[in-house]
Amino acid sequence: MPQTISSPDFRRSSVTSVGIPPLVEKIDSNGDAGREKTDASAGTMHARLIIERGDAANTEFPLSAVESYIGRWDADNGIFPDVDLDSFDPDAKVSRRHARIRRNEDTYTIEDLGSTNGTFVNRGRRLLPGSPHVLNEGDEIIVGKTFLRFRIDG
């Protein structure tokens, strides 16, 4: 069974509202406002990244937020990526803020954030920093020397 990595709660505390369902105001017939929790995941796609090679092969990272950052955890500089590859990147080839994956209504895009060693999709040319690239189910993403597989659920 694949291992799923999720960040400990203390890491998420520095990121505002990531993964928190929005609150919806409900006004009843008396004019009183009440709050009802809504499911942030209702009707939306979800994706994940899976490490493809090495001792960490099959380690999964869920991409549940609208924006998910790929990089290496660095508490001293306040960097807490959603996909933290620090433990899987002993040579530090992944930048602290390496890339960002964004979920739009029906697509995902990846954007290099000016990384030192680049971001590649399907072994093509290095992505230009700041230029989003559309991701498809099963795409291979290379960040530094780490090989990831992009999967869309549902």
N, C-alpha and C. Protein backbone atom coordinates (compact mmCIF):
# COMPACT_ATOMS: atom_id res chain seq x y z
N MET A 1 0.84 -1.18 0.00
CA MET A 1 0.00 0.00 0.00
C MET A 1 0.89 1.24 0.00
N PRO A 2 0.60 2.23 -0.87
CA PRO A 2 1.45 3.40 -0.94
C PRO A 2 1.38 4.23 0.33
N GLN A 3 2.52 4.80 0.67
CA GLN A 3 2.60 5.67 1.84
C GLN A 3 2.10 7.05 1.44
N THR A 4 1.26 7.68 2.25
CA THR A 4 0.78 9.03 1.99
C THR A 4 1.42 9.97 2.98
N ILE A 5 1.97 11.05 2.47
CA ILE A 5 2.63 12.04 3.32
C ILE A 5 1.70 13.23 3.48
N SER A 6 1.49 13.62 4.70
CA SER A 6 0.77 14.86 4.96
C SER A 6 1.56 15.63 5.99
N SER A 7 1.51 16.94 5.87
CA SER A 7 2.30 17.78 6.77
C SER A 7 1.71 17.75 8.17
N PRO A 8 2.58 17.76 9.19
CA PRO A 8 2.08 17.86 10.56
C PRO A 8 1.34 19.17 10.76
N ASP A 9 0.45 19.20 11.74
CA ASP A 9 -0.35 20.39 11.99
C ASP A 9 0.47 21.64 12.23
N PHE A 10 1.63 21.50 12.93
CA PHE A 10 2.41 22.70 13.24
C PHE A 10 2.94 23.37 11.99
N ARG A 11 3.12 22.64 10.92
CA ARG A 11 3.57 23.25 9.67
C ARG A 11 2.46 24.06 9.03
N ARG A 12 1.28 23.56 9.06
CA ARG A 12 0.16 24.23 8.43
C ARG A 12 -0.23 25.51 9.15
N SER A 13 0.16 25.65 10.41
CA SER A 13 -0.24 26.81 11.18
C SER A 13 0.29 28.11 10.59
N SER A 14 1.34 28.04 9.80
CA SER A 14 1.88 29.26 9.21
C SER A 14 1.23 29.61 7.88
N VAL A 15 0.37 28.77 7.39
CA VAL A 15 -0.30 29.02 6.13
C VAL A 15 -1.76 29.29 6.41
N THR A 16 -2.24 30.42 5.95
CA THR A 16 -3.61 30.79 6.25
C THR A 16 -4.61 30.10 5.35
N SER A 17 -5.62 29.58 5.90
CA SER A 17 -6.81 29.02 5.27
C SER A 17 -6.58 27.90 4.26
N VAL A 18 -5.40 27.32 4.18
CA VAL A 18 -5.18 26.22 3.26
C VAL A 18 -5.89 24.99 3.80
N GLY A 19 -6.72 24.40 3.00
CA GLY A 19 -7.41 23.19 3.40
C GLY A 19 -8.56 23.40 4.37
N ILE A 20 -8.93 24.64 4.64
CA ILE A 20 -10.04 24.91 5.55
C ILE A 20 -11.29 25.18 4.72
N PRO A 21 -12.37 24.42 4.94
CA PRO A 21 -13.58 24.65 4.17
C PRO A 21 -14.15 26.04 4.44
N PRO A 22 -14.68 26.70 3.41
CA PRO A 22 -15.27 28.02 3.63
C PRO A 22 -16.54 27.91 4.46
N LEU A 23 -16.87 28.97 5.16
CA LEU A 23 -18.10 29.02 5.92
C LEU A 23 -19.15 29.76 5.11
N VAL A 24 -20.36 29.28 5.17
CA VAL A 24 -21.46 29.89 4.43
C VAL A 24 -22.46 30.44 5.44
N GLU A 25 -22.83 31.70 5.27
CA GLU A 25 -23.84 32.30 6.14
C GLU A 25 -25.22 31.82 5.70
N LYS A 26 -26.00 31.36 6.64
CA LYS A 26 -27.39 30.99 6.37
C LYS A 26 -28.27 31.91 7.19
N ILE A 27 -29.22 32.52 6.56
CA ILE A 27 -30.14 33.40 7.27
C ILE A 27 -31.50 32.70 7.27
N ASP A 28 -32.01 32.47 8.49
CA ASP A 28 -33.30 31.79 8.57
C ASP A 28 -34.44 32.81 8.44
N SER A 29 -35.66 32.34 8.52
CA SER A 29 -36.83 33.21 8.33
C SER A 29 -36.93 34.30 9.39
N ASN A 30 -36.27 34.13 10.54
CA ASN A 30 -36.28 35.16 11.58
C ASN A 30 -35.20 36.21 11.36
N GLY A 31 -34.38 36.04 10.33
CA GLY A 31 -33.31 36.97 10.07
C GLY A 31 -32.05 36.68 10.86
N ASP A 32 -32.03 35.54 11.58
CA ASP A 32 -30.85 35.19 12.35
C ASP A 32 -29.83 34.50 11.44
N ALA A 33 -28.61 34.88 11.63
CA ALA A 33 -27.54 34.26 10.83
C ALA A 33 -26.98 33.07 11.58
N GLY A 34 -26.82 31.99 10.89
CA GLY A 34 -26.19 30.80 11.45
C GLY A 34 -25.12 30.34 10.49
N ARG A 35 -24.16 29.62 10.96
CA ARG A 35 -23.09 29.15 10.07
C ARG A 35 -23.25 27.66 9.81
N GLU A 36 -23.06 27.33 8.57
CA GLU A 36 -23.10 25.92 8.18
C GLU A 36 -21.81 25.61 7.45
N LYS A 37 -21.14 24.56 7.86
CA LYS A 37 -19.91 24.16 7.19
C LYS A 37 -20.25 23.57 5.84
N THR A 38 -19.41 23.88 4.85
CA THR A 38 -19.59 23.30 3.54
C THR A 38 -18.38 22.43 3.23
N ASP A 39 -18.57 21.47 2.37
CA ASP A 39 -17.48 20.59 1.99
C ASP A 39 -16.70 21.25 0.87
N ALA A 40 -15.47 21.64 1.15
CA ALA A 40 -14.64 22.32 0.17
C ALA A 40 -14.33 21.42 -1.02
N SER A 41 -14.43 20.11 -0.84
CA SER A 41 -14.06 19.20 -1.91
C SER A 41 -15.25 18.80 -2.79
N ALA A 42 -16.45 19.21 -2.44
CA ALA A 42 -17.62 18.81 -3.21
C ALA A 42 -17.52 19.33 -4.64
N GLY A 43 -17.61 18.45 -5.61
CA GLY A 43 -17.63 18.83 -7.01
C GLY A 43 -16.28 19.27 -7.57
N THR A 44 -15.20 19.07 -6.87
CA THR A 44 -13.90 19.48 -7.39
C THR A 44 -13.01 18.26 -7.62
N MET A 45 -12.07 18.43 -8.53
CA MET A 45 -11.11 17.37 -8.81
C MET A 45 -10.04 17.36 -7.72
N HIS A 46 -9.43 16.24 -7.52
CA HIS A 46 -8.29 16.13 -6.61
C HIS A 46 -7.18 15.41 -7.34
N ALA A 47 -5.97 15.77 -6.98
CA ALA A 47 -4.82 15.15 -7.63
C ALA A 47 -3.79 14.80 -6.57
N ARG A 48 -2.76 14.09 -7.01
CA ARG A 48 -1.68 13.72 -6.10
C ARG A 48 -0.40 13.57 -6.92
N LEU A 49 0.70 13.70 -6.23
CA LEU A 49 2.01 13.43 -6.82
C LEU A 49 2.56 12.19 -6.14
N ILE A 50 3.20 11.33 -6.92
CA ILE A 50 3.76 10.09 -6.40
C ILE A 50 5.24 10.04 -6.78
N ILE A 51 6.09 9.81 -5.79
CA ILE A 51 7.52 9.66 -6.08
C ILE A 51 7.71 8.36 -6.85
N GLU A 52 8.47 8.43 -7.94
CA GLU A 52 8.61 7.30 -8.85
C GLU A 52 9.82 6.41 -8.59
N ARG A 53 10.88 6.95 -8.01
CA ARG A 53 12.13 6.19 -7.94
C ARG A 53 12.73 6.21 -6.54
N GLY A 54 13.66 5.28 -6.33
CA GLY A 54 14.44 5.26 -5.10
C GLY A 54 13.72 4.62 -3.93
N ASP A 55 14.30 4.79 -2.75
CA ASP A 55 13.75 4.20 -1.54
C ASP A 55 12.36 4.75 -1.21
N ALA A 56 12.06 5.95 -1.66
CA ALA A 56 10.78 6.59 -1.36
C ALA A 56 9.73 6.35 -2.45
N ALA A 57 10.02 5.46 -3.40
CA ALA A 57 9.06 5.19 -4.48
C ALA A 57 7.70 4.85 -3.91
N ASN A 58 6.67 5.34 -4.55
CA ASN A 58 5.26 5.16 -4.19
C ASN A 58 4.81 6.05 -3.03
N THR A 59 5.67 6.94 -2.55
CA THR A 59 5.23 7.91 -1.54
C THR A 59 4.32 8.92 -2.23
N GLU A 60 3.16 9.17 -1.65
CA GLU A 60 2.16 10.04 -2.27
C GLU A 60 2.01 11.35 -1.51
N PHE A 61 1.74 12.40 -2.27
CA PHE A 61 1.45 13.72 -1.72
C PHE A 61 0.12 14.19 -2.30
N PRO A 62 -0.93 14.30 -1.48
CA PRO A 62 -2.21 14.79 -1.99
C PRO A 62 -2.12 16.28 -2.31
N LEU A 63 -2.77 16.69 -3.40
CA LEU A 63 -2.82 18.09 -3.80
C LEU A 63 -4.26 18.57 -3.61
N SER A 64 -4.63 18.87 -2.39
CA SER A 64 -6.03 19.19 -2.10
C SER A 64 -6.33 20.69 -2.12
N ALA A 65 -5.31 21.53 -2.06
CA ALA A 65 -5.53 22.98 -2.07
C ALA A 65 -5.60 23.48 -3.51
N VAL A 66 -6.11 24.68 -3.69
CA VAL A 66 -6.15 25.30 -5.02
C VAL A 66 -4.73 25.52 -5.53
N GLU A 67 -3.82 25.89 -4.64
CA GLU A 67 -2.41 26.03 -4.97
C GLU A 67 -1.60 25.12 -4.05
N SER A 68 -0.71 24.34 -4.63
CA SER A 68 0.17 23.47 -3.85
C SER A 68 1.60 23.77 -4.26
N TYR A 69 2.44 23.98 -3.27
CA TYR A 69 3.84 24.31 -3.53
C TYR A 69 4.73 23.09 -3.35
N ILE A 70 5.71 22.96 -4.25
CA ILE A 70 6.69 21.88 -4.21
C ILE A 70 8.02 22.50 -3.80
N GLY A 71 8.68 21.88 -2.84
CA GLY A 71 9.97 22.41 -2.41
C GLY A 71 10.53 21.65 -1.24
N ARG A 72 11.39 22.33 -0.49
CA ARG A 72 12.01 21.75 0.70
C ARG A 72 11.66 22.60 1.91
N TRP A 73 11.29 21.94 2.99
CA TRP A 73 10.90 22.58 4.24
C TRP A 73 12.09 23.33 4.82
N ASP A 74 11.87 24.58 5.26
CA ASP A 74 12.93 25.39 5.86
C ASP A 74 12.32 26.29 6.92
N ALA A 75 12.32 25.83 8.17
CA ALA A 75 11.69 26.57 9.26
C ALA A 75 12.37 27.91 9.50
N ASP A 76 13.68 27.98 9.32
CA ASP A 76 14.41 29.22 9.56
C ASP A 76 13.93 30.35 8.65
N ASN A 77 13.53 30.00 7.43
CA ASN A 77 13.07 31.01 6.47
C ASN A 77 11.56 31.00 6.28
N GLY A 78 10.84 30.21 7.09
CA GLY A 78 9.38 30.17 7.01
C GLY A 78 8.85 29.55 5.74
N ILE A 79 9.52 28.55 5.22
CA ILE A 79 9.08 27.89 3.99
C ILE A 79 8.55 26.51 4.35
N PHE A 80 7.26 26.30 4.09
CA PHE A 80 6.58 25.05 4.45
C PHE A 80 5.78 24.55 3.24
N PRO A 81 6.44 23.94 2.25
CA PRO A 81 5.73 23.52 1.04
C PRO A 81 4.73 22.39 1.31
N ASP A 82 3.69 22.34 0.49
CA ASP A 82 2.69 21.28 0.57
C ASP A 82 3.31 19.94 0.19
N VAL A 83 4.17 19.95 -0.81
CA VAL A 83 4.91 18.77 -1.23
C VAL A 83 6.35 18.99 -0.77
N ASP A 84 6.64 18.50 0.44
CA ASP A 84 7.94 18.71 1.07
C ASP A 84 8.88 17.57 0.68
N LEU A 85 9.84 17.87 -0.17
CA LEU A 85 10.76 16.84 -0.65
C LEU A 85 12.09 16.84 0.10
N ASP A 86 12.17 17.57 1.19
CA ASP A 86 13.42 17.68 1.95
C ASP A 86 13.98 16.31 2.33
N SER A 87 13.15 15.42 2.83
CA SER A 87 13.60 14.09 3.28
C SER A 87 13.99 13.18 2.12
N PHE A 88 13.57 13.52 0.90
CA PHE A 88 13.78 12.66 -0.26
C PHE A 88 14.82 13.24 -1.21
N ASP A 89 15.48 14.33 -0.80
CA ASP A 89 16.39 15.06 -1.66
C ASP A 89 17.71 15.32 -0.93
N PRO A 90 18.51 14.27 -0.68
CA PRO A 90 19.72 14.44 0.13
C PRO A 90 20.76 15.37 -0.50
N ASP A 91 20.72 15.53 -1.81
CA ASP A 91 21.69 16.40 -2.49
C ASP A 91 21.19 17.84 -2.63
N ALA A 92 20.01 18.14 -2.09
CA ALA A 92 19.42 19.49 -2.15
C ALA A 92 19.34 20.02 -3.58
N LYS A 93 18.88 19.18 -4.49
CA LYS A 93 18.68 19.60 -5.89
C LYS A 93 17.32 20.27 -6.09
N VAL A 94 16.40 20.07 -5.14
CA VAL A 94 15.10 20.73 -5.18
C VAL A 94 15.23 22.05 -4.43
N SER A 95 14.79 23.12 -5.06
CA SER A 95 14.85 24.44 -4.41
C SER A 95 13.82 24.51 -3.28
N ARG A 96 14.04 25.41 -2.35
CA ARG A 96 13.09 25.56 -1.25
C ARG A 96 11.70 25.90 -1.79
N ARG A 97 11.64 26.84 -2.71
CA ARG A 97 10.39 27.18 -3.40
C ARG A 97 10.61 26.82 -4.87
N HIS A 98 10.35 25.58 -5.21
CA HIS A 98 10.72 25.06 -6.52
C HIS A 98 9.63 25.31 -7.58
N ALA A 99 8.41 24.85 -7.29
CA ALA A 99 7.34 24.94 -8.28
C ALA A 99 5.99 25.05 -7.57
N ARG A 100 4.99 25.45 -8.35
CA ARG A 100 3.62 25.57 -7.82
C ARG A 100 2.67 24.86 -8.78
N ILE A 101 1.75 24.08 -8.21
CA ILE A 101 0.68 23.47 -9.00
C ILE A 101 -0.61 24.16 -8.62
N ARG A 102 -1.34 24.60 -9.64
CA ARG A 102 -2.63 25.28 -9.42
C ARG A 102 -3.75 24.45 -10.02
N ARG A 103 -4.83 24.38 -9.27
CA ARG A 103 -6.04 23.72 -9.76
C ARG A 103 -6.99 24.80 -10.25
N ASN A 104 -7.39 24.70 -11.51
CA ASN A 104 -8.41 25.58 -12.05
C ASN A 104 -9.69 24.77 -12.07
N GLU A 105 -10.71 25.22 -12.73
CA GLU A 105 -11.99 24.48 -12.71
C GLU A 105 -11.83 23.05 -13.19
N ASP A 106 -11.20 22.85 -14.33
CA ASP A 106 -11.09 21.49 -14.86
C ASP A 106 -9.68 21.14 -15.33
N THR A 107 -8.70 21.93 -14.92
CA THR A 107 -7.31 21.65 -15.29
C THR A 107 -6.37 21.93 -14.13
N TYR A 108 -5.19 21.38 -14.24
CA TYR A 108 -4.10 21.67 -13.32
C TYR A 108 -2.95 22.24 -14.15
N THR A 109 -2.24 23.20 -13.58
CA THR A 109 -1.05 23.72 -14.23
C THR A 109 0.11 23.66 -13.24
N ILE A 110 1.32 23.57 -13.80
CA ILE A 110 2.53 23.64 -12.98
C ILE A 110 3.35 24.81 -13.47
N GLU A 111 3.99 25.49 -12.53
CA GLU A 111 4.79 26.66 -12.86
C GLU A 111 6.09 26.60 -12.06
N ASP A 112 7.21 26.73 -12.75
CA ASP A 112 8.50 26.78 -12.07
C ASP A 112 8.62 28.16 -11.42
N LEU A 113 9.12 28.20 -10.20
CA LEU A 113 9.22 29.45 -9.45
C LEU A 113 10.64 30.02 -9.44
N GLY A 114 11.38 29.76 -10.52
CA GLY A 114 12.75 30.25 -10.60
C GLY A 114 13.74 29.33 -9.91
N SER A 115 13.45 28.04 -9.94
CA SER A 115 14.31 27.06 -9.26
C SER A 115 15.70 27.01 -9.89
N THR A 116 16.66 26.55 -9.11
CA THR A 116 18.04 26.45 -9.58
C THR A 116 18.21 25.34 -10.62
N ASN A 117 17.63 24.17 -10.37
CA ASN A 117 17.85 23.01 -11.23
C ASN A 117 16.70 22.70 -12.18
N GLY A 118 15.66 23.50 -12.17
CA GLY A 118 14.61 23.38 -13.17
C GLY A 118 13.51 22.40 -12.86
N THR A 119 12.43 22.56 -13.63
CA THR A 119 11.25 21.70 -13.58
C THR A 119 11.02 21.22 -15.00
N PHE A 120 10.79 19.92 -15.15
CA PHE A 120 10.60 19.32 -16.47
C PHE A 120 9.33 18.48 -16.45
N VAL A 121 8.57 18.49 -17.55
CA VAL A 121 7.38 17.67 -17.69
C VAL A 121 7.59 16.73 -18.87
N ASN A 122 7.42 15.44 -18.61
CA ASN A 122 7.57 14.39 -19.63
C ASN A 122 8.90 14.49 -20.37
N ARG A 123 9.95 14.82 -19.62
CA ARG A 123 11.32 14.89 -20.14
C ARG A 123 11.47 15.87 -21.30
N GLY A 124 10.57 16.84 -21.36
CA GLY A 124 10.67 17.88 -22.37
C GLY A 124 11.65 18.95 -21.93
N ARG A 125 11.54 20.10 -22.56
CA ARG A 125 12.41 21.22 -22.20
C ARG A 125 12.08 21.73 -20.81
N ARG A 126 13.07 22.37 -20.24
CA ARG A 126 12.92 22.98 -18.91
C ARG A 126 11.82 24.04 -18.98
N LEU A 127 10.92 24.02 -17.99
CA LEU A 127 9.86 25.02 -17.95
C LEU A 127 10.46 26.40 -17.67
N LEU A 128 9.93 27.39 -18.36
CA LEU A 128 10.36 28.76 -18.11
C LEU A 128 9.71 29.25 -16.83
N PRO A 129 10.47 29.85 -15.93
CA PRO A 129 9.87 30.37 -14.69
C PRO A 129 8.73 31.35 -15.00
N GLY A 130 7.64 31.19 -14.27
CA GLY A 130 6.50 32.08 -14.43
C GLY A 130 5.57 31.74 -15.58
N SER A 131 5.86 30.69 -16.35
CA SER A 131 5.00 30.28 -17.47
C SER A 131 4.29 28.98 -17.12
N PRO A 132 3.00 29.05 -16.78
CA PRO A 132 2.26 27.83 -16.40
C PRO A 132 2.20 26.83 -17.56
N HIS A 133 2.30 25.56 -17.22
CA HIS A 133 2.23 24.45 -18.17
C HIS A 133 1.08 23.55 -17.74
N VAL A 134 0.17 23.22 -18.65
CA VAL A 134 -0.98 22.38 -18.33
C VAL A 134 -0.51 20.95 -18.07
N LEU A 135 -1.00 20.37 -16.97
CA LEU A 135 -0.68 18.99 -16.61
C LEU A 135 -1.80 18.07 -17.05
N ASN A 136 -1.44 16.87 -17.47
CA ASN A 136 -2.40 15.83 -17.83
C ASN A 136 -2.19 14.62 -16.94
N GLU A 137 -3.22 13.82 -16.80
CA GLU A 137 -3.16 12.58 -16.03
C GLU A 137 -1.95 11.76 -16.47
N GLY A 138 -1.14 11.34 -15.51
CA GLY A 138 0.00 10.47 -15.80
C GLY A 138 1.28 11.18 -16.19
N ASP A 139 1.27 12.51 -16.25
CA ASP A 139 2.49 13.24 -16.61
C ASP A 139 3.61 12.95 -15.62
N GLU A 140 4.83 12.90 -16.15
CA GLU A 140 6.01 12.77 -15.31
C GLU A 140 6.56 14.18 -15.06
N ILE A 141 6.82 14.48 -13.80
CA ILE A 141 7.37 15.78 -13.42
C ILE A 141 8.73 15.52 -12.77
N ILE A 142 9.73 16.23 -13.23
CA ILE A 142 11.06 16.11 -12.63
C ILE A 142 11.41 17.46 -12.00
N VAL A 143 11.66 17.43 -10.69
CA VAL A 143 12.11 18.62 -9.97
C VAL A 143 13.46 18.27 -9.35
N GLY A 144 14.50 19.02 -9.73
CA GLY A 144 15.84 18.63 -9.30
C GLY A 144 16.16 17.26 -9.86
N LYS A 145 16.42 16.30 -8.98
CA LYS A 145 16.64 14.90 -9.40
C LYS A 145 15.51 14.00 -8.93
N THR A 146 14.38 14.58 -8.55
CA THR A 146 13.26 13.81 -8.03
C THR A 146 12.22 13.62 -9.12
N PHE A 147 11.85 12.36 -9.37
CA PHE A 147 10.87 12.01 -10.39
C PHE A 147 9.52 11.79 -9.72
N LEU A 148 8.52 12.53 -10.20
CA LEU A 148 7.17 12.45 -9.65
C LEU A 148 6.19 12.09 -10.76
N ARG A 149 5.11 11.42 -10.41
CA ARG A 149 4.03 11.11 -11.34
C ARG A 149 2.80 11.87 -10.89
N PHE A 150 2.14 12.57 -11.83
CA PHE A 150 0.94 13.35 -11.54
C PHE A 150 -0.29 12.48 -11.81
N ARG A 151 -1.14 12.35 -10.82
CA ARG A 151 -2.37 11.56 -10.94
C ARG A 151 -3.58 12.39 -10.55
N ILE A 152 -4.66 12.25 -11.32
CA ILE A 152 -5.92 12.91 -11.01
C ILE A 152 -6.89 11.86 -10.50
N ASP A 153 -7.53 12.15 -9.36
CA ASP A 153 -8.50 11.24 -8.76
C ASP A 153 -9.91 11.72 -9.09
N GLY A 154 -10.73 10.79 -9.52
CA GLY A 154 -12.15 11.08 -9.76
C GLY A 154 -12.32 11.98 -10.87
